[in-house]
Amino acid sequence: MTHDLKVISVKLPLSDARRIPGNRSEFVRQAVAEKLARQSSPAWRPKTPTGRKLLKLRNQFLAQGGELLDAEGIAQELRQRRGGLA
């Protein structure tokens, strides 16, 4: 389960909101993950088996709702993993 969640708010027509089943937050997360997974793939294609494997793992991560980190996010995660040092 993801612990780093961000709350978003959108306005929907009442008729559309009524069509969303029970657990709305889970429904929305799945819908967003599905939408991101359907986005067109980049023109670049890896040439090596290792590159293809890594791209496949990246796409699976994104399809499951994973979020890529920017430079600041990577630095923050490294600080956390190092116990808040450096």
PDB file of N, CA and C in Angstrom:
ATOM      1  N   MET A   1       0.843  -1.173   0.000  1.00  0.00           N
ATOM      2  CA  MET A   1       0.000   0.000   0.000  1.00  0.00           C
ATOM      3  C   MET A   1       0.887   1.235   0.000  1.00  0.00           C
ATOM      4  N   THR A   2       0.480   2.237  -0.728  1.00  0.00           N
ATOM      5  CA  THR A   2       1.249   3.468  -0.815  1.00  0.00           C
ATOM      6  C   THR A   2       0.968   4.337   0.392  1.00  0.00           C
ATOM      7  N   HIS A   3       2.037   4.844   1.017  1.00  0.00           N
ATOM      8  CA  HIS A   3       1.883   5.710   2.175  1.00  0.00           C
ATOM      9  C   HIS A   3       1.979   7.176   1.786  1.00  0.00           C
ATOM     10  N   ASP A   4       2.550   7.465   0.640  1.00  0.00           N
ATOM     11  CA  ASP A   4       2.694   8.842   0.187  1.00  0.00           C
ATOM     12  C   ASP A   4       1.547   9.173  -0.758  1.00  0.00           C
ATOM     13  N   LEU A   5       0.414   9.532  -0.205  1.00  0.00           N
ATOM     14  CA  LEU A   5      -0.747   9.867  -1.008  1.00  0.00           C
ATOM     15  C   LEU A   5      -0.958  11.371  -0.992  1.00  0.00           C
ATOM     16  N   LYS A   6      -1.499  11.890  -2.079  1.00  0.00           N
ATOM     17  CA  LYS A   6      -1.824  13.303  -2.166  1.00  0.00           C
ATOM     18  C   LYS A   6      -3.323  13.408  -2.401  1.00  0.00           C
ATOM     19  N   VAL A   7      -3.973  14.235  -1.622  1.00  0.00           N
ATOM     20  CA  VAL A   7      -5.405  14.433  -1.755  1.00  0.00           C
ATOM     21  C   VAL A   7      -5.648  15.418  -2.889  1.00  0.00           C
ATOM     22  N   ILE A   8      -6.571  15.040  -3.787  1.00  0.00           N
ATOM     23  CA  ILE A   8      -6.966  15.946  -4.857  1.00  0.00           C
ATOM     24  C   ILE A   8      -8.472  16.111  -4.807  1.00  0.00           C
ATOM     25  N   SER A   9      -8.946  17.186  -5.352  1.00  0.00           N
ATOM     26  CA  SER A   9     -10.369  17.454  -5.348  1.00  0.00           C
ATOM     27  C   SER A   9     -10.792  17.863  -6.751  1.00  0.00           C
ATOM     28  N   VAL A  10     -11.851  17.257  -7.220  1.00  0.00           N
ATOM     29  CA  VAL A  10     -12.390  17.614  -8.535  1.00  0.00           C
ATOM     30  C   VAL A  10     -13.893  17.767  -8.419  1.00  0.00           C
ATOM     31  N   LYS A  11     -14.446  18.602  -9.259  1.00  0.00           N
ATOM     32  CA  LYS A  11     -15.897  18.777  -9.295  1.00  0.00           C
ATOM     33  C   LYS A  11     -16.449  17.939 -10.437  1.00  0.00           C
ATOM     34  N   LEU A  12     -17.457  17.113 -10.093  1.00  0.00           N
ATOM     35  CA  LEU A  12     -18.120  16.269 -11.082  1.00  0.00           C
ATOM     36  C   LEU A  12     -19.611  16.569 -11.059  1.00  0.00           C
ATOM     37  N   PRO A  13     -20.242  16.419 -12.187  1.00  0.00           N
ATOM     38  CA  PRO A  13     -21.707  16.507 -12.164  1.00  0.00           C
ATOM     39  C   PRO A  13     -22.250  15.401 -11.251  1.00  0.00           C
ATOM     40  N   LEU A  14     -23.310  15.683 -10.538  1.00  0.00           N
ATOM     41  CA  LEU A  14     -23.886  14.727  -9.596  1.00  0.00           C
ATOM     42  C   LEU A  14     -24.220  13.410 -10.287  1.00  0.00           C
ATOM     43  N   SER A  15     -24.697  13.482 -11.531  1.00  0.00           N
ATOM     44  CA  SER A  15     -25.043  12.249 -12.246  1.00  0.00           C
ATOM     45  C   SER A  15     -23.804  11.370 -12.459  1.00  0.00           C
ATOM     46  N   ASP A  16     -22.650  11.981 -12.706  1.00  0.00           N
ATOM     47  CA  ASP A  16     -21.420  11.201 -12.867  1.00  0.00           C
ATOM     48  C   ASP A  16     -20.939  10.654 -11.530  1.00  0.00           C
ATOM     49  N   ALA A  17     -21.021  11.458 -10.481  1.00  0.00           N
ATOM     50  CA  ALA A  17     -20.573  11.024  -9.158  1.00  0.00           C
ATOM     51  C   ALA A  17     -21.379   9.823  -8.679  1.00  0.00           C
ATOM     52  N   ARG A  18     -22.662   9.784  -9.000  1.00  0.00           N
ATOM     53  CA  ARG A  18     -23.511   8.658  -8.576  1.00  0.00           C
ATOM     54  C   ARG A  18     -23.136   7.359  -9.276  1.00  0.00           C
ATOM     55  N   ARG A  19     -22.488   7.455 -10.435  1.00  0.00           N
ATOM     56  CA  ARG A  19     -22.112   6.249 -11.181  1.00  0.00           C
ATOM     57  C   ARG A  19     -20.828   5.612 -10.657  1.00  0.00           C
ATOM     58  N   ILE A  20     -20.070   6.323  -9.813  1.00  0.00           N
ATOM     59  CA  ILE A  20     -18.829   5.768  -9.261  1.00  0.00           C
ATOM     60  C   ILE A  20     -19.185   4.803  -8.139  1.00  0.00           C
ATOM     61  N   PRO A  21     -18.670   3.566  -8.195  1.00  0.00           N
ATOM     62  CA  PRO A  21     -19.032   2.565  -7.192  1.00  0.00           C
ATOM     63  C   PRO A  21     -18.457   2.873  -5.805  1.00  0.00           C
ATOM     64  N   GLY A  22     -18.929   2.104  -4.828  1.00  0.00           N
ATOM     65  CA  GLY A  22     -18.602   2.211  -3.412  1.00  0.00           C
ATOM     66  C   GLY A  22     -17.349   2.942  -2.984  1.00  0.00           C
ATOM     67  N   ASN A  23     -16.200   2.301  -3.034  1.00  0.00           N
ATOM     68  CA  ASN A  23     -14.959   2.895  -2.551  1.00  0.00           C
ATOM     69  C   ASN A  23     -14.427   3.846  -3.614  1.00  0.00           C
ATOM     70  N   ARG A  24     -14.822   5.089  -3.528  1.00  0.00           N
ATOM     71  CA  ARG A  24     -14.503   6.045  -4.588  1.00  0.00           C
ATOM     72  C   ARG A  24     -13.018   6.339  -4.694  1.00  0.00           C
ATOM     73  N   SER A  25     -12.324   6.435  -3.567  1.00  0.00           N
ATOM     74  CA  SER A  25     -10.902   6.765  -3.657  1.00  0.00           C
ATOM     75  C   SER A  25     -10.138   5.651  -4.379  1.00  0.00           C
ATOM     76  N   GLU A  26     -10.456   4.404  -4.102  1.00  0.00           N
ATOM     77  CA  GLU A  26      -9.797   3.289  -4.787  1.00  0.00           C
ATOM     78  C   GLU A  26     -10.158   3.290  -6.269  1.00  0.00           C
ATOM     79  N   PHE A  27     -11.411   3.578  -6.569  1.00  0.00           N
ATOM     80  CA  PHE A  27     -11.863   3.641  -7.962  1.00  0.00           C
ATOM     81  C   PHE A  27     -11.085   4.709  -8.724  1.00  0.00           C
ATOM     82  N   VAL A  28     -10.926   5.873  -8.116  1.00  0.00           N
ATOM     83  CA  VAL A  28     -10.220   6.974  -8.765  1.00  0.00           C
ATOM     84  C   VAL A  28      -8.750   6.618  -8.964  1.00  0.00           C
ATOM     85  N   ARG A  29      -8.112   6.028  -7.937  1.00  0.00           N
ATOM     86  CA  ARG A  29      -6.708   5.630  -8.075  1.00  0.00           C
ATOM     87  C   ARG A  29      -6.519   4.635  -9.213  1.00  0.00           C
ATOM     88  N   GLN A  30      -7.419   3.669  -9.316  1.00  0.00           N
ATOM     89  CA  GLN A  30      -7.321   2.681 -10.390  1.00  0.00           C
ATOM     90  C   GLN A  30      -7.548   3.331 -11.746  1.00  0.00           C
ATOM     91  N   ALA A  31      -8.505   4.261 -11.819  1.00  0.00           N
ATOM     92  CA  ALA A  31      -8.782   4.943 -13.082  1.00  0.00           C
ATOM     93  C   ALA A  31      -7.580   5.768 -13.536  1.00  0.00           C
ATOM     94  N   VAL A  32      -6.931   6.462 -12.610  1.00  0.00           N
ATOM     95  CA  VAL A  32      -5.752   7.257 -12.955  1.00  0.00           C
ATOM     96  C   VAL A  32      -4.610   6.349 -13.398  1.00  0.00           C
ATOM     97  N   ALA A  33      -4.383   5.257 -12.677  1.00  0.00           N
ATOM     98  CA  ALA A  33      -3.320   4.317 -13.051  1.00  0.00           C
ATOM     99  C   ALA A  33      -3.582   3.735 -14.439  1.00  0.00           C
ATOM    100  N   GLU A  34      -4.840   3.404 -14.725  1.00  0.00           N
ATOM    101  CA  GLU A  34      -5.200   2.864 -16.035  1.00  0.00           C
ATOM    102  C   GLU A  34      -4.952   3.901 -17.128  1.00  0.00           C
ATOM    103  N   LYS A  35      -5.333   5.132 -16.862  1.00  0.00           N
ATOM    104  CA  LYS A  35      -5.134   6.204 -17.838  1.00  0.00           C
ATOM    105  C   LYS A  35      -3.644   6.411 -18.114  1.00  0.00           C
ATOM    106  N   LEU A  36      -2.837   6.432 -17.072  1.00  0.00           N
ATOM    107  CA  LEU A  36      -1.399   6.610 -17.253  1.00  0.00           C
ATOM    108  C   LEU A  36      -0.784   5.438 -18.013  1.00  0.00           C
ATOM    109  N   ALA A  37      -1.290   4.244 -17.778  1.00  0.00           N
ATOM    110  CA  ALA A  37      -0.760   3.064 -18.459  1.00  0.00           C
ATOM    111  C   ALA A  37      -1.094   3.090 -19.953  1.00  0.00           C
ATOM    112  N   ARG A  38      -2.195   3.752 -20.313  1.00  0.00           N
ATOM    113  CA  ARG A  38      -2.601   3.808 -21.718  1.00  0.00           C
ATOM    114  C   ARG A  38      -1.898   4.908 -22.494  1.00  0.00           C
ATOM    115  N   GLN A  39      -1.173   5.790 -21.813  1.00  0.00           N
ATOM    116  CA  GLN A  39      -0.490   6.867 -22.516  1.00  0.00           C
ATOM    117  C   GLN A  39       0.495   6.286 -23.522  1.00  0.00           C
ATOM    118  N   SER A  40       0.674   7.013 -24.608  1.00  0.00           N
ATOM    119  CA  SER A  40       1.560   6.519 -25.653  1.00  0.00           C
ATOM    120  C   SER A  40       2.984   6.365 -25.121  1.00  0.00           C
ATOM    121  N   SER A  41       3.621   5.317 -25.579  1.00  0.00           N
ATOM    122  CA  SER A  41       4.986   5.050 -25.134  1.00  0.00           C
ATOM    123  C   SER A  41       5.954   5.978 -25.879  1.00  0.00           C
ATOM    124  N   PRO A  42       7.085   6.249 -25.291  1.00  0.00           N
ATOM    125  CA  PRO A  42       8.047   7.141 -25.939  1.00  0.00           C
ATOM    126  C   PRO A  42       8.607   6.527 -27.213  1.00  0.00           C
ATOM    127  N   ALA A  43       9.103   7.375 -28.112  1.00  0.00           N
ATOM    128  CA  ALA A  43       9.659   6.902 -29.384  1.00  0.00           C
ATOM    129  C   ALA A  43      10.946   6.107 -29.154  1.00  0.00           C
ATOM    130  N   TRP A  44      11.640   6.394 -28.058  1.00  0.00           N
ATOM    131  CA  TRP A  44      12.884   5.698 -27.772  1.00  0.00           C
ATOM    132  C   TRP A  44      12.610   4.261 -27.361  1.00  0.00           C
ATOM    133  N   ARG A  45      13.375   3.348 -27.890  1.00  0.00           N
ATOM    134  CA  ARG A  45      13.265   1.928 -27.547  1.00  0.00           C
ATOM    135  C   ARG A  45      14.639   1.422 -27.115  1.00  0.00           C
ATOM    136  N   PRO A  46      14.703   0.703 -25.986  1.00  0.00           N
ATOM    137  CA  PRO A  46      15.989   0.153 -25.567  1.00  0.00           C
ATOM    138  C   PRO A  46      16.474  -0.905 -26.553  1.00  0.00           C
ATOM    139  N   LYS A  47      17.783  -0.973 -26.712  1.00  0.00           N
ATOM    140  CA  LYS A  47      18.373  -1.905 -27.675  1.00  0.00           C
ATOM    141  C   LYS A  47      18.856  -3.194 -27.031  1.00  0.00           C
ATOM    142  N   THR A  48      19.098  -3.171 -25.728  1.00  0.00           N
ATOM    143  CA  THR A  48      19.649  -4.352 -25.057  1.00  0.00           C
ATOM    144  C   THR A  48      18.554  -5.070 -24.263  1.00  0.00           C
ATOM    145  N   PRO A  49      18.732  -6.355 -24.002  1.00  0.00           N
ATOM    146  CA  PRO A  49      17.764  -7.088 -23.186  1.00  0.00           C
ATOM    147  C   PRO A  49      17.601  -6.477 -21.791  1.00  0.00           C
ATOM    148  N   THR A  50      18.685  -6.017 -21.203  1.00  0.00           N
ATOM    149  CA  THR A  50      18.603  -5.409 -19.871  1.00  0.00           C
ATOM    150  C   THR A  50      17.792  -4.129 -19.931  1.00  0.00           C
ATOM    151  N   GLY A  51      18.011  -3.323 -20.956  1.00  0.00           N
ATOM    152  CA  GLY A  51      17.243  -2.083 -21.116  1.00  0.00           C
ATOM    153  C   GLY A  51      15.769  -2.360 -21.294  1.00  0.00           C
ATOM    154  N   ARG A  52      15.431  -3.376 -22.084  1.00  0.00           N
ATOM    155  CA  ARG A  52      14.018  -3.734 -22.279  1.00  0.00           C
ATOM    156  C   ARG A  52      13.386  -4.214 -20.970  1.00  0.00           C
ATOM    157  N   LYS A  53      14.156  -4.987 -20.203  1.00  0.00           N
ATOM    158  CA  LYS A  53      13.658  -5.480 -18.918  1.00  0.00           C
ATOM    159  C   LYS A  53      13.398  -4.312 -17.961  1.00  0.00           C
ATOM    160  N   LEU A  54      14.335  -3.354 -17.895  1.00  0.00           N
ATOM    161  CA  LEU A  54      14.166  -2.207 -17.005  1.00  0.00           C
ATOM    162  C   LEU A  54      12.986  -1.331 -17.431  1.00  0.00           C
ATOM    163  N   LEU A  55      12.804  -1.152 -18.745  1.00  0.00           N
ATOM    164  CA  LEU A  55      11.665  -0.366 -19.227  1.00  0.00           C
ATOM    165  C   LEU A  55      10.346  -1.057 -18.880  1.00  0.00           C
ATOM    166  N   LYS A  56      10.319  -2.380 -18.995  1.00  0.00           N
ATOM    167  CA  LYS A  56       9.115  -3.135 -18.641  1.00  0.00           C
ATOM    168  C   LYS A  56       8.788  -2.968 -17.153  1.00  0.00           C
ATOM    169  N   LEU A  57       9.813  -3.054 -16.298  1.00  0.00           N
ATOM    170  CA  LEU A  57       9.601  -2.868 -14.858  1.00  0.00           C
ATOM    171  C   LEU A  57       9.119  -1.449 -14.548  1.00  0.00           C
ATOM    172  N   ARG A  58       9.680  -0.452 -15.231  1.00  0.00           N
ATOM    173  CA  ARG A  58       9.263   0.942 -15.044  1.00  0.00           C
ATOM    174  C   ARG A  58       7.789   1.107 -15.413  1.00  0.00           C
ATOM    175  N   ASN A  59       7.392   0.530 -16.549  1.00  0.00           N
ATOM    176  CA  ASN A  59       5.998   0.649 -16.992  1.00  0.00           C
ATOM    177  C   ASN A  59       5.048  -0.054 -16.029  1.00  0.00           C
ATOM    178  N   GLN A  60       5.460  -1.195 -15.482  1.00  0.00           N
ATOM    179  CA  GLN A  60       4.630  -1.887 -14.498  1.00  0.00           C
ATOM    180  C   GLN A  60       4.469  -1.040 -13.242  1.00  0.00           C
ATOM    181  N   PHE A  61       5.549  -0.423 -12.801  1.00  0.00           N
ATOM    182  CA  PHE A  61       5.526   0.450 -11.630  1.00  0.00           C
ATOM    183  C   PHE A  61       4.549   1.607 -11.845  1.00  0.00           C
ATOM    184  N   LEU A  62       4.615   2.240 -13.019  1.00  0.00           N
ATOM    185  CA  LEU A  62       3.711   3.351 -13.309  1.00  0.00           C
ATOM    186  C   LEU A  62       2.263   2.883 -13.414  1.00  0.00           C
ATOM    187  N   ALA A  63       2.042   1.713 -13.996  1.00  0.00           N
ATOM    188  CA  ALA A  63       0.681   1.188 -14.147  1.00  0.00           C
ATOM    189  C   ALA A  63       0.045   0.869 -12.799  1.00  0.00           C
ATOM    190  N   GLN A  64       0.864   0.564 -11.804  1.00  0.00           N
ATOM    191  CA  GLN A  64       0.354   0.260 -10.464  1.00  0.00           C
ATOM    192  C   GLN A  64       0.215   1.509  -9.606  1.00  0.00           C
ATOM    193  N   GLY A  65       0.354   2.664 -10.234  1.00  0.00           N
ATOM    194  CA  GLY A  65       0.176   3.904  -9.491  1.00  0.00           C
ATOM    195  C   GLY A  65       1.461   4.487  -8.945  1.00  0.00           C
ATOM    196  N   GLY A  66       2.594   3.932  -9.328  1.00  0.00           N
ATOM    197  CA  GLY A  66       3.872   4.469  -8.870  1.00  0.00           C
ATOM    198  C   GLY A  66       4.124   5.851  -9.430  1.00  0.00           C
ATOM    199  N   GLU A  67       4.927   6.605  -8.737  1.00  0.00           N
ATOM    200  CA  GLU A  67       5.236   7.968  -9.157  1.00  0.00           C
ATOM    201  C   GLU A  67       6.745   8.123  -9.265  1.00  0.00           C
ATOM    202  N   LEU A  68       7.189   8.674 -10.387  1.00  0.00           N
ATOM    203  CA  LEU A  68       8.615   8.883 -10.585  1.00  0.00           C
ATOM    204  C   LEU A  68       9.071  10.085  -9.769  1.00  0.00           C
ATOM    205  N   LEU A  69      10.284  10.030  -9.273  1.00  0.00           N
ATOM    206  CA  LEU A  69      10.820  11.104  -8.451  1.00  0.00           C
ATOM    207  C   LEU A  69      11.640  12.072  -9.299  1.00  0.00           C
ATOM    208  N   ASP A  70      11.590  13.347  -8.934  1.00  0.00           N
ATOM    209  CA  ASP A  70      12.489  14.320  -9.542  1.00  0.00           C
ATOM    210  C   ASP A  70      13.782  14.340  -8.725  1.00  0.00           C
ATOM    211  N   ALA A  71      14.697  15.230  -9.080  1.00  0.00           N
ATOM    212  CA  ALA A  71      15.998  15.265  -8.395  1.00  0.00           C
ATOM    213  C   ALA A  71      15.834  15.513  -6.900  1.00  0.00           C
ATOM    214  N   GLU A  72      14.946  16.414  -6.516  1.00  0.00           N
ATOM    215  CA  GLU A  72      14.724  16.703  -5.088  1.00  0.00           C
ATOM    216  C   GLU A  72      14.118  15.494  -4.377  1.00  0.00           C
ATOM    217  N   GLY A  73      13.194  14.787  -5.038  1.00  0.00           N
ATOM    218  CA  GLY A  73      12.598  13.595  -4.445  1.00  0.00           C
ATOM    219  C   GLY A  73      13.612  12.494  -4.219  1.00  0.00           C
ATOM    220  N   ILE A  74      14.538  12.328  -5.166  1.00  0.00           N
ATOM    221  CA  ILE A  74      15.593  11.329  -5.012  1.00  0.00           C
ATOM    222  C   ILE A  74      16.497  11.699  -3.843  1.00  0.00           C
ATOM    223  N   ALA A  75      16.882  12.983  -3.772  1.00  0.00           N
ATOM    224  CA  ALA A  75      17.742  13.431  -2.674  1.00  0.00           C
ATOM    225  C   ALA A  75      17.060  13.225  -1.324  1.00  0.00           C
ATOM    226  N   GLN A  76      15.759  13.505  -1.254  1.00  0.00           N
ATOM    227  CA  GLN A  76      15.013  13.330  -0.002  1.00  0.00           C
ATOM    228  C   GLN A  76      14.962  11.855   0.380  1.00  0.00           C
ATOM    229  N   GLU A  77      14.715  10.974  -0.580  1.00  0.00           N
ATOM    230  CA  GLU A  77      14.661   9.547  -0.265  1.00  0.00           C
ATOM    231  C   GLU A  77      16.020   9.035   0.202  1.00  0.00           C
ATOM    232  N   LEU A  78      17.079   9.502  -0.432  1.00  0.00           N
ATOM    233  CA  LEU A  78      18.424   9.108   0.008  1.00  0.00           C
ATOM    234  C   LEU A  78      18.684   9.556   1.442  1.00  0.00           C
ATOM    235  N   ARG A  79      18.281  10.786   1.791  1.00  0.00           N
ATOM    236  CA  ARG A  79      18.447  11.263   3.164  1.00  0.00           C
ATOM    237  C   ARG A  79      17.683  10.377   4.134  1.00  0.00           C
ATOM    238  N   GLN A  80      16.457   9.994   3.795  1.00  0.00           N
ATOM    239  CA  GLN A  80      15.651   9.142   4.669  1.00  0.00           C
ATOM    240  C   GLN A  80      16.312   7.773   4.843  1.00  0.00           C
ATOM    241  N   ARG A  81      16.798   7.202   3.750  1.00  0.00           N
ATOM    242  CA  ARG A  81      17.420   5.881   3.832  1.00  0.00           C
ATOM    243  C   ARG A  81      18.724   5.902   4.618  1.00  0.00           C
ATOM    244  N   ARG A  82      19.368   7.061   4.640  1.00  0.00           N
ATOM    245  CA  ARG A  82      20.633   7.194   5.378  1.00  0.00           C
ATOM    246  C   ARG A  82      20.393   7.670   6.806  1.00  0.00           C
ATOM    247  N   GLY A  83      19.176   7.652   7.236  1.00  0.00           N
ATOM    248  CA  GLY A  83      18.862   8.043   8.604  1.00  0.00           C
ATOM    249  C   GLY A  83      18.846   9.541   8.819  1.00  0.00           C
ATOM    250  N   GLY A  84      18.558  10.294   7.766  1.00  0.00           N
ATOM    251  CA  GLY A  84      18.476  11.740   7.889  1.00  0.00           C
ATOM    252  C   GLY A  84      19.819  12.446   7.808  1.00  0.00           C
ATOM    253  N   LEU A  85      20.874  11.702   7.487  1.00  0.00           N
ATOM    254  CA  LEU A  85      22.201  12.301   7.384  1.00  0.00           C
ATOM    255  C   LEU A  85      22.470  12.753   5.966  1.00  0.00           C
ATOM    256  N   ALA A  86      23.289  13.774   5.839  1.00  0.00           N
ATOM    257  CA  ALA A  86      23.742  14.331   4.544  1.00  0.00           C
ATOM    258  C   ALA A  86      22.570  14.744   3.743  1.00  0.00           C
TER     259      ALA A  86
END
